[in-house]
């Protein structure tokens, strides 16, 4: 089997909000626009959006200028032209502009947007895929590093410090440093030689050159990877794009107290419903950042007065700046999706688990800006398994889920299968016999003195705990007797839970493309579903 699905109920770190969104949508319906796997949701919202953005010409001109800079292909410009039609909608995905495209899930996001846009178009709702480059973020440290794996699946960190014009400048203002040359040499030395590596390195070196803009380098690489799919790229730091959003910044300033109250009320409602509020909303938040001396600085409001960096800012001056120089403003994580959707005819947004939670809060703001929130479609999630790891799966009869369940569980399974001494089976048999003995004892105690049953239960729990400790020690002892088994267990952990996290969050997508070639994108794309969203394990 090349690919199989795992429900998110069995995927580590899946939040209650995510699980209910995927499998019990009625529980969270009040926080979203509509169920993501029902075509009627999109048709209904498309009707509501008819007439939205009556004049799309400025947007289309801005998109064409930006995508010429990114050297996008003909399919992208055809999609931009389609977006100029009033009946065409956008399926938007977005992500921070991580080094060398960032973690693998960035690629999965873009592919999900393409797949959903195609599906909607096939159903008579014309849509094109759009990817929003989050160049306004100022957390360079978060995006300045990525990672690949070596031949033994060791974690290999790659980084570039960037040349930054100011300590807290937006990432889009950062330049690739001269150190990128050594970083790409390390990437080349780590990936296996072959056509796949050479094609990838050629494209990356063309994009990531010393002095290139951080966002431009990311955009050019994405344009190369998704050239045939016509993904439209948007850089919000473009002055023409910012000009289109000036009215939204003015509105956020004028109604900052009301918007803050809506968000705090929504956060409380989420918590009372048993979920979590992904973003803390301070009592002085305005949802806005302003640029001062090249730095992106939060704008606060206290007692009806605005403050930037602890100093009071004149409200009238801020309003004038928002209208005349909107490039000096940007939204926080909760305002950003609204900015996207005021600029674009967004019918659906492709979101990861954290973004899904953001939108549960941000939905409370949309009515104030006169626009319904798009349908939130969960991005596809993948764990990729190469042939070497697949052979280990088959040899030891283990799965990705066994690796997810932790070191002790995996060691036990590999030791039991690898040593073939029968001790694990005998241990299981002894546990079953002990359980049967305790059950017979429970019946006797229930007859003689039921008040002693809690004592028996407590003793049983202690016995089980001690037995598990013994089993774990036996597993470790078995692996210590075989360096080969220990290495195989370690290899699976390094590949599938690097840094004790999901693979898609820690390993760069370029690692897999450098091993399997760009054809891997087609294989991933073919597995993306639009009627459900389970995590998928793909063997390549």
Protein backbone atom coordinates (compact mmCIF):
# COMPACT_ATOMS: atom_id res chain seq x y z
CA UNK A 1 0.00 0.00 0.00
CA UNK A 2 1.47 3.35 -1.09
CA UNK A 3 -0.70 5.51 1.15
CA UNK A 4 -3.10 5.07 4.03
CA UNK A 5 -5.07 7.36 6.30
CA UNK A 6 -4.96 7.81 10.07
CA UNK A 7 -7.78 9.71 11.81
CA UNK A 8 -6.57 12.74 13.72
CA UNK A 9 -8.01 11.17 16.85
CA UNK A 10 -4.86 9.00 16.76
CA UNK A 11 -2.41 11.73 15.71
CA UNK A 12 -0.31 13.29 18.49
CA UNK A 13 -1.00 16.86 19.60
CA UNK A 14 -4.46 17.04 18.00
CA UNK A 15 -6.54 19.59 19.90
CA UNK A 16 -10.17 19.11 20.90
CA UNK A 17 -11.11 22.00 18.61
CA UNK A 18 -9.43 20.35 15.63
CA UNK A 19 -11.07 16.98 16.30
CA UNK A 20 -14.53 18.46 16.66
CA UNK A 21 -14.04 20.56 13.54
CA UNK A 22 -13.11 17.49 11.52
CA UNK A 23 -15.48 14.90 12.95
CA UNK A 24 -18.22 16.67 15.00
CA UNK A 25 -18.64 19.98 13.19
CA UNK A 26 -22.01 20.73 14.76
CA UNK A 27 -20.21 21.26 18.08
CA UNK A 28 -18.16 24.16 16.69
CA UNK A 29 -20.51 25.45 13.98
CA UNK A 30 -21.15 28.76 15.77
CA UNK A 31 -17.47 29.69 15.43
CA UNK A 32 -17.24 29.13 11.65
CA UNK A 33 -19.09 29.84 8.41
CA UNK A 34 -19.97 26.32 7.34
CA UNK A 35 -18.86 22.67 7.28
CA UNK A 36 -15.77 22.32 5.07
CA UNK A 37 -16.58 18.99 3.42
CA UNK A 38 -20.04 19.88 2.14
CA UNK A 39 -20.26 21.47 -1.34
CA UNK A 40 -23.38 23.38 -0.28
CA UNK A 41 -21.25 25.46 2.11
CA UNK A 42 -19.26 26.90 -0.77
CA UNK A 43 -22.25 27.49 -3.02
CA UNK A 44 -24.05 29.37 -0.26
CA UNK A 45 -21.05 31.58 0.53
CA UNK A 46 -20.42 32.20 -3.18
CA UNK A 47 -23.94 33.60 -3.36
CA UNK A 48 -23.28 35.89 -0.41
CA UNK A 49 -20.05 37.13 -2.02
CA UNK A 50 -21.60 37.96 -5.39
CA UNK A 51 -20.81 41.58 -6.11
CA UNK A 52 -17.92 41.66 -3.66
CA UNK A 53 -14.93 43.57 -5.07
CA UNK A 54 -16.89 45.12 -7.97
CA UNK A 55 -13.68 46.68 -9.32
CA UNK A 56 -10.97 44.05 -9.39
CA UNK A 57 -8.70 45.82 -11.87
CA UNK A 58 -6.30 47.33 -9.27
CA UNK A 59 -5.96 43.93 -7.57
CA UNK A 60 -5.28 42.16 -10.86
CA UNK A 61 -2.66 44.70 -11.86
CA UNK A 62 -0.93 44.35 -8.49
CA UNK A 63 -0.94 40.54 -8.70
CA UNK A 64 0.53 40.61 -12.19
CA UNK A 65 3.33 42.94 -11.11
CA UNK A 66 4.21 40.80 -8.14
CA UNK A 67 4.09 37.50 -9.99
CA UNK A 68 6.31 38.87 -12.73
CA UNK A 69 8.84 39.57 -9.97
CA UNK A 70 8.49 35.99 -8.77
CA UNK A 71 8.92 34.73 -12.35
CA UNK A 72 5.66 32.80 -12.17
CA UNK A 73 4.57 30.69 -15.14
CA UNK A 74 1.87 31.10 -17.74
CA UNK A 75 -0.65 29.08 -15.70
CA UNK A 76 -0.38 31.62 -12.88
CA UNK A 77 -1.08 34.58 -15.16
CA UNK A 78 -4.01 32.71 -16.68
CA UNK A 79 -5.39 32.27 -13.15
CA UNK A 80 -4.87 35.96 -12.40
CA UNK A 81 -6.90 36.79 -15.49
CA UNK A 82 -9.61 34.40 -14.32
CA UNK A 83 -9.59 36.14 -10.94
CA UNK A 84 -10.47 39.33 -12.76
CA UNK A 85 -13.91 37.91 -13.51
CA UNK A 86 -16.53 38.84 -10.91
CA UNK A 87 -17.74 35.24 -10.64
CA UNK A 88 -14.33 33.75 -9.82
CA UNK A 89 -13.23 33.18 -6.24
CA UNK A 90 -9.94 32.56 -4.45
CA UNK A 91 -8.90 29.54 -2.40
CA UNK A 92 -6.20 31.05 -0.21
CA UNK A 93 -3.40 29.45 1.76
CA UNK A 94 -0.63 31.32 3.50
CA UNK A 95 2.48 30.80 5.54
CA UNK A 96 5.51 32.52 6.98
CA UNK A 97 8.31 32.78 4.44
CA UNK A 98 10.54 30.10 5.91
CA UNK A 99 14.06 29.43 4.73
CA UNK A 100 14.11 27.17 1.64
CA UNK A 101 10.27 27.01 1.76
CA UNK A 102 10.20 26.15 5.47
CA UNK A 103 8.64 23.01 6.96
CA UNK A 104 7.10 20.39 4.67
CA UNK A 105 3.55 21.35 5.57
CA UNK A 106 4.04 24.60 3.61
CA UNK A 107 4.06 22.54 0.42
CA UNK A 108 1.06 20.53 1.60
CA UNK A 109 -0.84 23.78 2.16
CA UNK A 110 -0.23 25.02 -1.36
CA UNK A 111 -1.20 21.67 -2.86
CA UNK A 112 -4.38 21.58 -0.78
CA UNK A 113 -5.36 25.00 -2.12
CA UNK A 114 -4.82 23.78 -5.68
CA UNK A 115 -6.84 20.63 -5.09
CA UNK A 116 -9.77 22.46 -3.50
CA UNK A 117 -9.79 25.16 -6.19
CA UNK A 118 -9.91 22.49 -8.89
CA UNK A 119 -12.72 20.65 -7.11
CA UNK A 120 -14.81 23.79 -6.71
CA UNK A 121 -14.27 24.74 -10.36
CA UNK A 122 -15.37 21.26 -11.43
CA UNK A 123 -18.57 21.79 -9.43
CA UNK A 124 -19.38 25.03 -11.21
CA UNK A 125 -17.88 27.44 -8.65
CA UNK A 126 -14.85 28.94 -10.45
CA UNK A 127 -11.87 29.26 -8.11
CA UNK A 128 -8.11 29.73 -8.34
CA UNK A 129 -5.38 28.91 -5.78
CA UNK A 130 -3.67 31.85 -4.06
CA UNK A 131 -0.72 31.73 -1.66
CA UNK A 132 -0.24 34.61 0.77
CA UNK A 133 3.39 35.22 1.76
CA UNK A 134 3.45 36.38 5.39
CA UNK A 135 6.29 38.84 4.81
CA UNK A 136 4.96 41.30 7.41
CA UNK A 137 5.95 39.08 10.33
CA UNK A 138 9.00 40.30 12.21
CA UNK A 139 10.02 37.05 13.92
CA UNK A 140 13.07 36.36 11.77
CA UNK A 141 14.47 33.80 14.21
CA UNK A 142 11.44 31.58 13.63
CA UNK A 143 11.83 31.46 9.85
CA UNK A 144 15.61 31.78 9.51
CA UNK A 145 16.21 28.09 10.07
CA UNK A 146 14.96 24.81 8.72
CA UNK A 147 16.18 21.23 8.80
CA UNK A 148 16.82 18.16 6.69
CA UNK A 149 17.99 14.64 7.56
CA UNK A 150 21.22 12.88 6.68
CA UNK A 151 21.60 9.27 5.57
CA UNK A 152 21.17 8.05 9.16
CA UNK A 153 18.17 10.36 9.65
CA UNK A 154 20.13 12.64 11.95
CA UNK A 155 18.61 16.10 12.25
CA UNK A 156 20.67 18.59 10.22
CA UNK A 157 19.86 22.24 10.92
CA UNK A 158 20.19 24.77 8.10
CA UNK A 159 20.07 28.49 8.74
CA UNK A 160 20.77 31.95 7.44
CA UNK A 161 20.93 34.91 9.84
CA UNK A 162 19.74 37.37 7.21
CA UNK A 163 20.83 40.97 6.80
CA UNK A 164 18.28 42.95 8.73
CA UNK A 165 17.83 46.73 8.32
CA UNK A 166 16.44 47.09 11.87
CA UNK A 167 16.22 44.77 14.91
CA UNK A 168 12.47 44.19 14.48
CA UNK A 169 11.98 44.85 10.80
CA UNK A 170 9.42 42.79 8.86
CA UNK A 171 10.93 39.64 7.40
CA UNK A 172 10.08 40.93 3.93
CA UNK A 173 12.63 43.73 4.45
CA UNK A 174 15.43 41.26 5.28
CA UNK A 175 18.09 40.30 2.76
CA UNK A 176 19.64 36.86 2.35
CA UNK A 177 23.13 36.97 3.86
CA UNK A 178 26.43 35.88 2.35
CA UNK A 179 26.26 32.85 4.65
CA UNK A 180 23.63 31.27 2.39
CA UNK A 181 26.39 29.90 0.17
CA UNK A 182 27.75 27.68 2.94
CA UNK A 183 24.21 26.66 3.92
CA UNK A 184 23.42 25.51 0.39
CA UNK A 185 26.75 23.67 0.21
CA UNK A 186 25.72 21.81 3.35
CA UNK A 187 22.36 20.99 1.80
CA UNK A 188 24.10 19.62 -1.26
CA UNK A 189 26.54 17.56 0.79
CA UNK A 190 23.73 16.04 2.88
CA UNK A 191 21.32 15.04 0.12
CA UNK A 192 22.14 11.95 -1.96
CA UNK A 193 23.72 12.62 -5.35
CA UNK A 194 21.44 12.32 -8.34
CA UNK A 195 19.17 14.13 -10.76
CA UNK A 196 16.64 15.06 -8.07
CA UNK A 197 19.28 16.79 -5.95
CA UNK A 198 20.83 18.62 -8.89
CA UNK A 199 17.49 19.98 -10.13
CA UNK A 200 16.54 21.15 -6.64
CA UNK A 201 19.90 22.78 -5.96
CA UNK A 202 19.84 24.57 -9.29
CA UNK A 203 16.45 26.10 -8.51
CA UNK A 204 17.33 26.99 -4.94
CA UNK A 205 20.61 28.64 -5.88
CA UNK A 206 18.78 30.77 -8.45
CA UNK A 207 16.39 31.99 -5.76
CA UNK A 208 18.50 32.16 -2.61
CA UNK A 209 21.38 34.42 -3.55
CA UNK A 210 23.23 36.76 -1.20
CA UNK A 211 21.42 40.09 -1.17
CA UNK A 212 18.11 38.73 -2.45
CA UNK A 213 15.00 39.79 -0.55
CA UNK A 214 13.88 37.16 1.93
CA UNK A 215 10.29 37.17 0.72
CA UNK A 216 11.30 37.37 -2.94
CA UNK A 217 13.57 34.33 -2.59
CA UNK A 218 10.76 32.35 -0.98
CA UNK A 219 8.27 33.49 -3.63
CA UNK A 220 10.55 32.60 -6.52
CA UNK A 221 11.13 29.11 -5.17
CA UNK A 222 7.39 28.59 -4.66
CA UNK A 223 6.78 29.83 -8.22
CA UNK A 224 9.20 27.21 -9.55
CA UNK A 225 7.72 24.39 -7.48
CA UNK A 226 4.10 25.17 -8.36
CA UNK A 227 4.57 26.52 -11.88
CA UNK A 228 2.34 23.92 -13.55
CA UNK A 229 -0.46 24.43 -11.02
CA UNK A 230 -0.77 28.18 -11.50
CA UNK A 231 -0.58 29.20 -7.86
CA UNK A 232 -0.98 32.98 -7.55
CA UNK A 233 1.46 34.51 -5.06
CA UNK A 234 0.71 37.60 -2.96
CA UNK A 235 3.26 39.65 -1.02
CA UNK A 236 1.38 41.95 1.40
CA UNK A 237 4.44 44.19 1.75
CA UNK A 238 3.94 45.36 -1.80
CA UNK A 239 2.94 49.01 -1.70
CA UNK A 240 0.17 48.53 -4.26
CA UNK A 241 -1.35 45.71 -2.20
CA UNK A 242 -1.17 47.76 1.00
CA UNK A 243 -2.87 50.70 -0.68
CA UNK A 244 -5.87 48.48 -1.41
CA UNK A 245 -6.23 47.77 2.32
CA UNK A 246 -5.97 51.31 3.66
CA UNK A 247 -9.65 51.54 4.62
CA UNK A 248 -9.35 48.41 6.76
CA UNK A 249 -6.50 49.89 8.79
CA UNK A 250 -8.52 53.04 9.31
CA UNK A 251 -11.49 50.96 10.49
CA UNK A 252 -9.29 48.94 12.89
CA UNK A 253 -8.03 52.20 14.41
CA UNK A 254 -11.43 53.81 14.74
CA UNK A 255 -13.06 50.76 16.33
CA UNK A 256 -10.14 49.25 18.24
CA UNK A 257 -11.98 49.12 21.58
CA UNK A 258 -15.06 47.47 20.06
CA UNK A 259 -12.97 44.92 18.14
CA UNK A 260 -10.98 44.11 21.25
CA UNK A 261 -14.20 43.56 23.22
CA UNK A 262 -15.53 41.22 20.51
CA UNK A 263 -12.36 39.16 20.62
CA UNK A 264 -12.21 38.91 24.38
CA UNK A 265 -15.86 37.85 24.46
CA UNK A 266 -15.18 35.22 21.80
CA UNK A 267 -12.13 33.92 23.65
CA UNK A 268 -14.19 33.52 26.84
CA UNK A 269 -16.90 31.71 24.86
CA UNK A 270 -14.37 29.27 23.40
CA UNK A 271 -12.96 28.47 26.83
CA UNK A 272 -16.42 27.98 28.32
CA UNK A 273 -17.21 25.60 25.47
CA UNK A 274 -14.24 23.46 26.44
CA UNK A 275 -11.80 24.66 23.79
CA UNK A 276 -8.80 26.98 23.91
CA UNK A 277 -8.23 30.56 22.81
CA UNK A 278 -5.18 30.32 20.56
CA UNK A 279 -4.31 34.02 20.78
CA UNK A 280 -4.23 36.00 24.00
CA UNK A 281 -5.90 39.39 23.53
CA UNK A 282 -4.41 41.98 25.93
CA UNK A 283 -6.61 44.67 27.39
CA UNK A 284 -4.76 47.34 25.40
CA UNK A 285 -4.55 45.52 22.06
CA UNK A 286 -5.46 47.32 18.83
CA UNK A 287 -4.73 44.36 16.49
CA UNK A 288 -2.30 46.65 14.66
CA UNK A 289 1.43 47.12 14.26
CA UNK A 290 3.06 50.29 12.99
CA UNK A 291 6.49 50.78 11.47
CA UNK A 292 8.87 53.08 13.32
CA UNK A 293 12.52 53.49 12.24
CA UNK A 294 12.19 50.30 10.21
CA UNK A 295 10.89 48.28 13.16
CA UNK A 296 7.46 46.66 13.36
CA UNK A 297 6.05 47.85 16.71
CA UNK A 298 2.69 46.97 18.32
CA UNK A 299 0.16 49.77 18.67
CA UNK A 300 -1.60 49.89 22.06
CA UNK A 301 -4.63 51.76 23.32
CA UNK A 302 -5.24 52.70 26.93
CA UNK A 303 -7.95 55.04 28.14
CA UNK A 304 -8.82 56.12 24.62
CA UNK A 305 -5.21 57.08 23.86
CA UNK A 306 -2.78 55.30 21.53
CA UNK A 307 0.78 54.35 22.42
CA UNK A 308 3.73 53.18 20.36
CA UNK A 309 6.73 51.88 22.27
CA UNK A 310 5.50 53.50 25.48
CA UNK A 311 5.06 56.94 23.88
CA UNK A 312 1.66 58.48 23.15
CA UNK A 313 0.70 58.74 19.48
CA UNK A 314 -1.81 61.26 18.17
CA UNK A 315 -5.00 59.53 16.98
CA UNK A 316 -5.54 61.98 14.12
CA UNK A 317 -1.98 61.52 12.89
CA UNK A 318 -2.36 57.75 12.97
CA UNK A 319 -5.57 57.98 10.96
CA UNK A 320 -3.88 60.15 8.34
CA UNK A 321 -0.96 57.72 8.15
CA UNK A 322 -3.31 54.76 7.71
CA UNK A 323 -4.95 56.46 4.74
CA UNK A 324 -1.94 58.07 3.10
CA UNK A 325 0.86 55.64 4.02
CA UNK A 326 -0.79 52.28 4.72
CA UNK A 327 2.52 50.49 4.12
CA UNK A 328 3.46 51.60 7.64
CA UNK A 329 0.67 49.46 9.13
CA UNK A 330 0.12 45.73 9.42
CA UNK A 331 -2.32 43.51 11.24
CA UNK A 332 -1.64 41.00 13.98
CA UNK A 333 -2.41 37.31 13.54
CA UNK A 334 -6.15 37.87 14.08
CA UNK A 335 -6.50 40.85 11.78
CA UNK A 336 -4.33 39.42 8.99
CA UNK A 337 -6.97 37.01 7.63
CA UNK A 338 -9.48 39.84 7.42
CA UNK A 339 -6.98 41.93 5.45
CA UNK A 340 -6.55 39.00 3.06
CA UNK A 341 -10.26 38.60 2.61
CA UNK A 342 -10.94 42.29 2.07
CA UNK A 343 -8.37 42.32 -0.74
CA UNK A 344 -9.27 38.97 -2.31
CA UNK A 345 -12.58 37.28 -3.20
CA UNK A 346 -11.74 34.49 -0.74
CA UNK A 347 -14.22 31.64 -0.74
CA UNK A 348 -12.08 29.24 1.27
CA UNK A 349 -8.93 29.43 3.37
CA UNK A 350 -6.67 26.41 3.79
CA UNK A 351 -5.63 26.31 7.44
CA UNK A 352 -3.37 24.26 9.65
CA UNK A 353 -4.46 23.31 13.19
CA UNK A 354 -3.21 26.55 14.79
CA UNK A 355 -4.80 28.71 12.11
CA UNK A 356 -8.04 26.82 12.54
CA UNK A 357 -8.03 28.03 16.14
CA UNK A 358 -7.15 31.59 15.10
CA UNK A 359 -10.19 31.69 12.85
CA UNK A 360 -12.49 30.57 15.66
CA UNK A 361 -11.55 33.86 17.32
CA UNK A 362 -11.25 36.04 14.23
CA UNK A 363 -14.75 35.10 13.05
CA UNK A 364 -16.11 37.49 15.68
CA UNK A 365 -14.55 40.42 13.77
CA UNK A 366 -15.73 39.81 10.22
CA UNK A 367 -19.19 41.39 10.55
CA UNK A 368 -17.60 44.64 11.72
CA UNK A 369 -15.65 44.77 8.45
CA UNK A 370 -18.73 43.97 6.37
CA UNK A 371 -17.63 40.61 5.06
CA UNK A 372 -18.44 36.97 5.88
CA UNK A 373 -15.57 34.73 6.92
CA UNK A 374 -14.55 32.17 4.27
CA UNK A 375 -15.00 28.45 4.69
CA UNK A 376 -11.98 27.13 6.59
CA UNK A 377 -10.64 24.01 4.89
CA UNK A 378 -8.12 21.90 6.86
CA UNK A 379 -4.84 21.48 5.04
CA UNK A 380 -3.71 18.01 4.12
CA UNK A 381 -1.27 16.43 6.54
CA UNK A 382 1.33 13.83 5.57
CA UNK A 383 4.06 11.68 7.02
CA UNK A 384 6.43 10.56 4.27
CA UNK A 385 8.19 7.20 4.56
CA UNK A 386 11.05 6.19 2.27
CA UNK A 387 11.75 2.63 1.12
CA UNK A 388 14.40 1.98 3.75
CA UNK A 389 12.03 2.85 6.59
CA UNK A 390 9.26 0.87 4.90
CA UNK A 391 11.46 -2.23 5.00
CA UNK A 392 11.92 -1.71 8.74
CA UNK A 393 8.14 -1.45 9.13
CA UNK A 394 7.74 -4.78 7.40
CA UNK A 395 10.60 -6.47 9.23
CA UNK A 396 9.37 -5.55 12.71
CA UNK A 397 5.63 -5.35 12.00
CA UNK A 398 5.43 -1.75 13.24
CA UNK A 399 3.61 1.33 11.94
CA UNK A 400 3.88 5.09 12.14
CA UNK A 401 1.45 4.96 15.04
CA UNK A 402 3.79 2.66 16.96
CA UNK A 403 6.50 5.30 16.59
CA UNK A 404 4.10 8.04 17.69
CA UNK A 405 3.25 6.11 20.86
CA UNK A 406 6.67 6.70 22.30
CA UNK A 407 10.12 5.23 22.71
CA UNK A 408 9.21 2.49 25.16
CA UNK A 409 6.31 1.21 23.05
CA UNK A 410 8.41 1.10 19.87
CA UNK A 411 11.37 -0.52 21.61
CA UNK A 412 9.11 -3.21 22.98
CA UNK A 413 7.67 -4.06 19.56
CA UNK A 414 11.04 -4.08 17.81
CA UNK A 415 12.66 -6.14 20.55
CA UNK A 416 9.83 -8.65 20.50
CA UNK A 417 9.92 -9.04 16.72
CA UNK A 418 13.66 -8.79 16.30
CA UNK A 419 14.84 -11.25 18.93
CA UNK A 420 12.02 -13.75 18.37
CA UNK A 421 12.59 -15.38 21.76
CA UNK A 422 8.93 -15.49 22.72
CA UNK A 423 9.46 -13.53 25.94
CA UNK A 424 6.99 -10.84 24.95
CA UNK A 425 4.27 -13.38 24.26
CA UNK A 426 4.98 -15.12 27.57
CA UNK A 427 4.80 -11.77 29.31
CA UNK A 428 1.41 -11.10 27.71
CA UNK A 429 0.22 -14.55 28.79
CA UNK A 430 1.37 -13.95 32.37
CA UNK A 431 -0.48 -10.63 32.47
CA UNK A 432 -3.67 -12.30 31.24
CA UNK A 433 -3.36 -15.08 33.82
CA UNK A 434 -2.79 -12.54 36.58
CA UNK A 435 -5.83 -10.53 35.45
CA UNK A 436 -7.97 -13.67 35.55
CA UNK A 437 -6.68 -14.52 39.03
CA UNK A 438 -7.48 -11.03 40.33
CA UNK A 439 -10.96 -11.19 38.82
CA UNK A 440 -11.68 -14.43 40.66
CA UNK A 441 -10.37 -12.83 43.84
CA UNK A 442 -12.59 -9.80 43.23
CA UNK A 443 -15.68 -12.02 43.18
CA UNK A 444 -14.68 -13.68 46.48
CA UNK A 445 -14.06 -10.31 48.16
CA UNK A 446 -17.35 -8.93 46.86
CA UNK A 447 -19.11 -11.82 48.63
CA UNK A 448 -17.14 -11.70 51.89
CA UNK A 449 -16.55 -7.95 52.42
CA UNK A 450 -17.27 -5.47 49.55
CA UNK A 451 -15.59 -2.65 51.47
CA UNK A 452 -12.24 -4.28 50.63
CA UNK A 453 -12.75 -3.93 46.87
CA UNK A 454 -11.06 -0.49 46.65
CA UNK A 455 -8.02 -1.97 48.38
CA UNK A 456 -7.87 -4.72 45.76
CA UNK A 457 -8.24 -2.19 42.94
CA UNK A 458 -5.39 -0.12 44.35
CA UNK A 459 -3.20 -3.22 44.65
CA UNK A 460 -4.05 -4.23 41.09
CA UNK A 461 -3.02 -0.81 39.76
CA UNK A 462 0.33 -1.04 41.57
CA UNK A 463 0.92 -4.55 40.21
CA UNK A 464 0.19 -3.42 36.64
CA UNK A 465 2.48 -0.42 37.04
CA UNK A 466 5.34 -2.60 38.28
CA UNK A 467 4.77 -5.13 35.51
CA UNK A 468 4.98 -2.37 32.90
CA UNK A 469 8.26 -1.23 34.43
CA UNK A 470 9.60 -4.77 34.20
CA UNK A 471 8.40 -5.06 30.59
CA UNK A 472 10.13 -1.79 29.71
CA UNK A 473 13.38 -2.93 31.31
CA UNK A 474 13.18 -6.21 29.43
CA UNK A 475 12.70 -4.32 26.14
CA UNK A 476 15.67 -2.07 26.83
CA UNK A 477 17.78 -5.04 27.84
CA UNK A 478 16.84 -6.81 24.63
CA UNK A 479 17.82 -3.80 22.52
CA UNK A 480 21.09 -3.42 24.42
CA UNK A 481 21.98 -6.97 23.40
CA UNK A 482 21.54 -5.98 19.74
CA UNK A 483 23.09 -2.80 18.36
CA UNK A 484 21.24 -3.41 15.11
CA UNK A 485 17.80 -3.40 16.73
CA UNK A 486 18.65 -0.27 18.70
CA UNK A 487 19.83 1.52 15.54
CA UNK A 488 16.68 0.56 13.67
CA UNK A 489 14.45 1.85 16.46
CA UNK A 490 16.43 5.07 16.58
CA UNK A 491 16.22 5.49 12.80
CA UNK A 492 12.44 5.26 12.81
CA UNK A 493 12.17 7.81 15.59
CA UNK A 494 14.51 10.23 13.84
CA UNK A 495 12.59 10.03 10.57
CA UNK A 496 9.04 10.02 11.88
CA UNK A 497 9.17 12.10 15.07
CA UNK A 498 12.17 14.41 14.62
CA UNK A 499 12.63 16.62 17.66
CA UNK A 500 9.69 14.64 19.18
CA UNK A 501 7.29 16.37 16.82
CA UNK A 502 5.35 15.50 13.68
CA UNK A 503 7.66 15.15 10.71
CA UNK A 504 5.80 17.72 8.61
CA UNK A 505 6.48 20.42 11.21
CA UNK A 506 10.22 19.84 11.61
CA UNK A 507 11.63 18.64 8.28
CA UNK A 508 11.81 20.90 5.26
CA UNK A 509 9.92 19.92 2.15
CA UNK A 510 13.09 20.36 0.09
CA UNK A 511 14.58 17.33 1.88
CA UNK A 512 11.98 15.07 0.29
CA UNK A 513 12.13 16.79 -3.12
CA UNK A 514 15.92 16.46 -3.12
CA UNK A 515 15.57 12.71 -2.63
CA UNK A 516 12.53 11.86 -4.73
CA UNK A 517 12.31 14.71 -7.24
CA UNK A 518 9.51 17.13 -8.03
CA UNK A 519 7.35 14.19 -9.12
CA UNK A 520 6.73 13.64 -5.42
CA UNK A 521 4.53 16.73 -5.45
CA UNK A 522 2.27 15.03 -7.99
CA UNK A 523 2.03 11.94 -5.81
CA UNK A 524 1.15 13.98 -2.75
CA UNK A 525 -1.39 16.00 -4.74
CA UNK A 526 -3.11 12.83 -5.95
CA UNK A 527 -3.80 11.77 -2.35
CA UNK A 528 -5.40 15.02 -1.13
CA UNK A 529 -9.07 14.60 -0.30
CA UNK A 530 -11.79 17.26 -0.40
CA UNK A 531 -14.54 15.29 1.37
CA UNK A 532 -12.55 14.41 4.48
CA UNK A 533 -9.23 15.21 6.10
CA UNK A 534 -7.33 12.45 7.86
CA UNK A 535 -3.56 12.41 8.27
CA UNK A 536 -1.93 10.34 5.53
CA UNK A 537 1.15 8.15 5.51
CA UNK A 538 2.73 8.11 2.06
CA UNK A 539 5.44 5.64 1.06
CA UNK A 540 7.74 7.01 -1.62
